[in-house]
């Protein structure tokens, strides 16, 4: 039985909002893989610059593998993380995958709302 929901989408704020609302409705725990990695690594860009992308990918895979043992959780992750090597295999047995597809015009509207206001 699947006890996890993994949500993927191009827009991270849209994905996060949907996942948080879904986790509340279903009384599930919410986890964002990027937030976990930022917590573990503090400055991802600096880690990649100093230790390299391979190191970052190993830490990311370790995090995703760890998430595969969680139960009753809604997970958000980036598409490139999901498709990197065997990351999806860690979650496929116990996770329902949802890919949020948004039409182009709506996606542009979302991006416009997220643009920082300049003076």
Protein backbone atom coordinates (compact mmCIF):
# COMPACT_ATOMS: atom_id res chain seq x y z
CA UNK A 1 0.00 0.00 0.00
CA UNK A 2 1.22 3.50 -0.85
CA UNK A 3 1.68 5.69 2.21
CA UNK A 4 3.38 8.66 0.55
CA UNK A 5 2.46 11.21 -2.07
CA UNK A 6 5.29 12.74 -4.11
CA UNK A 7 4.43 15.92 -5.99
CA UNK A 8 6.41 17.26 -8.92
CA UNK A 9 5.86 20.52 -10.82
CA UNK A 10 7.85 23.15 -12.64
CA UNK A 11 6.82 25.99 -10.35
CA UNK A 12 8.09 25.37 -6.83
CA UNK A 13 5.76 27.82 -5.06
CA UNK A 14 2.69 26.37 -6.78
CA UNK A 15 3.85 22.84 -5.97
CA UNK A 16 4.55 23.75 -2.36
CA UNK A 17 1.16 25.42 -1.86
CA UNK A 18 -0.70 22.42 -3.30
CA UNK A 19 1.36 19.96 -1.24
CA UNK A 20 0.88 21.84 2.02
CA UNK A 21 -2.88 22.09 1.50
CA UNK A 22 -3.09 18.41 0.54
CA UNK A 23 -1.08 17.33 3.57
CA UNK A 24 -3.41 19.30 5.86
CA UNK A 25 -6.54 17.84 4.23
CA UNK A 26 -5.19 14.29 4.49
CA UNK A 27 -3.60 14.80 7.92
CA UNK A 28 -0.16 13.94 6.57
CA UNK A 29 3.29 15.33 7.28
CA UNK A 30 4.76 17.69 4.62
CA UNK A 31 8.41 17.51 3.49
CA UNK A 32 10.20 19.55 0.82
CA UNK A 33 13.43 17.90 -0.34
CA UNK A 34 14.99 21.28 -1.16
CA UNK A 35 14.33 22.57 2.35
CA UNK A 36 15.91 19.44 3.83
CA UNK A 37 18.97 19.87 1.64
CA UNK A 38 19.26 23.57 2.49
CA UNK A 39 19.05 22.66 6.17
CA UNK A 40 21.75 19.99 5.82
CA UNK A 41 24.06 21.93 3.52
CA UNK A 42 23.23 25.55 4.47
CA UNK A 43 24.45 27.04 1.18
CA UNK A 44 23.86 24.66 -1.71
CA UNK A 45 25.54 26.86 -4.33
CA UNK A 46 28.70 27.14 -2.22
CA UNK A 47 28.73 23.38 -1.56
CA UNK A 48 28.48 22.68 -5.29
CA UNK A 49 31.23 25.22 -6.02
CA UNK A 50 33.58 23.83 -3.35
CA UNK A 51 32.75 20.10 -3.26
CA UNK A 52 31.29 19.65 -6.73
CA UNK A 53 28.00 18.61 -8.25
CA UNK A 54 28.73 14.91 -7.71
CA UNK A 55 28.95 15.45 -3.95
CA UNK A 56 25.69 17.41 -3.95
CA UNK A 57 23.96 14.68 -5.98
CA UNK A 58 25.14 12.04 -3.49
CA UNK A 59 23.77 14.04 -0.56
CA UNK A 60 20.52 14.58 -2.44
CA UNK A 61 20.19 10.86 -3.23
CA UNK A 62 20.90 9.99 0.41
CA UNK A 63 18.15 12.43 1.48
CA UNK A 64 15.64 10.96 -0.97
CA UNK A 65 16.54 7.43 0.07
CA UNK A 66 15.93 8.44 3.68
CA UNK A 67 12.54 9.91 2.73
CA UNK A 68 11.56 6.56 1.25
CA UNK A 69 11.32 5.19 4.79
CA UNK A 70 8.90 7.93 5.92
CA UNK A 71 5.21 7.08 6.23
CA UNK A 72 2.11 9.25 5.94
CA UNK A 73 3.96 12.07 4.18
CA UNK A 74 3.53 14.42 1.22
CA UNK A 75 6.88 15.08 -0.45
CA UNK A 76 7.77 17.79 -2.95
CA UNK A 77 10.85 17.55 -5.10
CA UNK A 78 12.31 19.06 -8.24
CA UNK A 79 11.97 17.26 -11.55
CA UNK A 80 15.74 16.96 -12.01
CA UNK A 81 16.07 15.41 -8.54
CA UNK A 82 13.30 12.95 -9.29
CA UNK A 83 14.88 11.79 -12.54
CA UNK A 84 18.50 11.76 -11.32
CA UNK A 85 19.84 8.20 -11.49
CA UNK A 86 17.61 5.94 -9.39
CA UNK A 87 16.03 8.50 -7.03
CA UNK A 88 12.51 7.70 -8.22
CA UNK A 89 13.09 4.00 -7.52
CA UNK A 90 13.49 4.71 -3.81
CA UNK A 91 9.96 6.11 -3.72
CA UNK A 92 8.12 4.11 -6.38
CA UNK A 93 7.08 1.20 -4.16
CA UNK A 94 5.41 3.31 -1.50
CA UNK A 95 4.60 6.62 -3.17
CA UNK A 96 1.82 7.92 -5.38
CA UNK A 97 3.39 10.33 -7.87
CA UNK A 98 1.51 13.45 -8.90
CA UNK A 99 2.82 15.72 -11.63
CA UNK A 100 1.12 19.10 -11.58
CA UNK A 101 0.64 20.28 -15.12
CA UNK A 102 -0.42 23.87 -15.61
CA UNK A 103 -1.42 25.43 -18.92
CA UNK A 104 0.99 28.00 -20.30
CA UNK A 105 -1.17 31.11 -19.72
CA UNK A 106 -1.82 30.19 -16.10
CA UNK A 107 1.88 29.44 -15.59
CA UNK A 108 2.81 32.90 -16.95
CA UNK A 109 0.25 34.47 -14.57
CA UNK A 110 1.85 32.65 -11.63
CA UNK A 111 5.33 33.81 -12.67
CA UNK A 112 4.15 37.40 -13.05
CA UNK A 113 2.78 37.37 -9.50
CA UNK A 114 6.11 36.06 -8.18
CA UNK A 115 8.25 38.70 -9.88
CA UNK A 116 9.93 40.95 -7.34
CA UNK A 117 8.57 44.50 -7.43
CA UNK A 118 11.15 47.01 -8.62
CA UNK A 119 10.97 50.70 -7.93
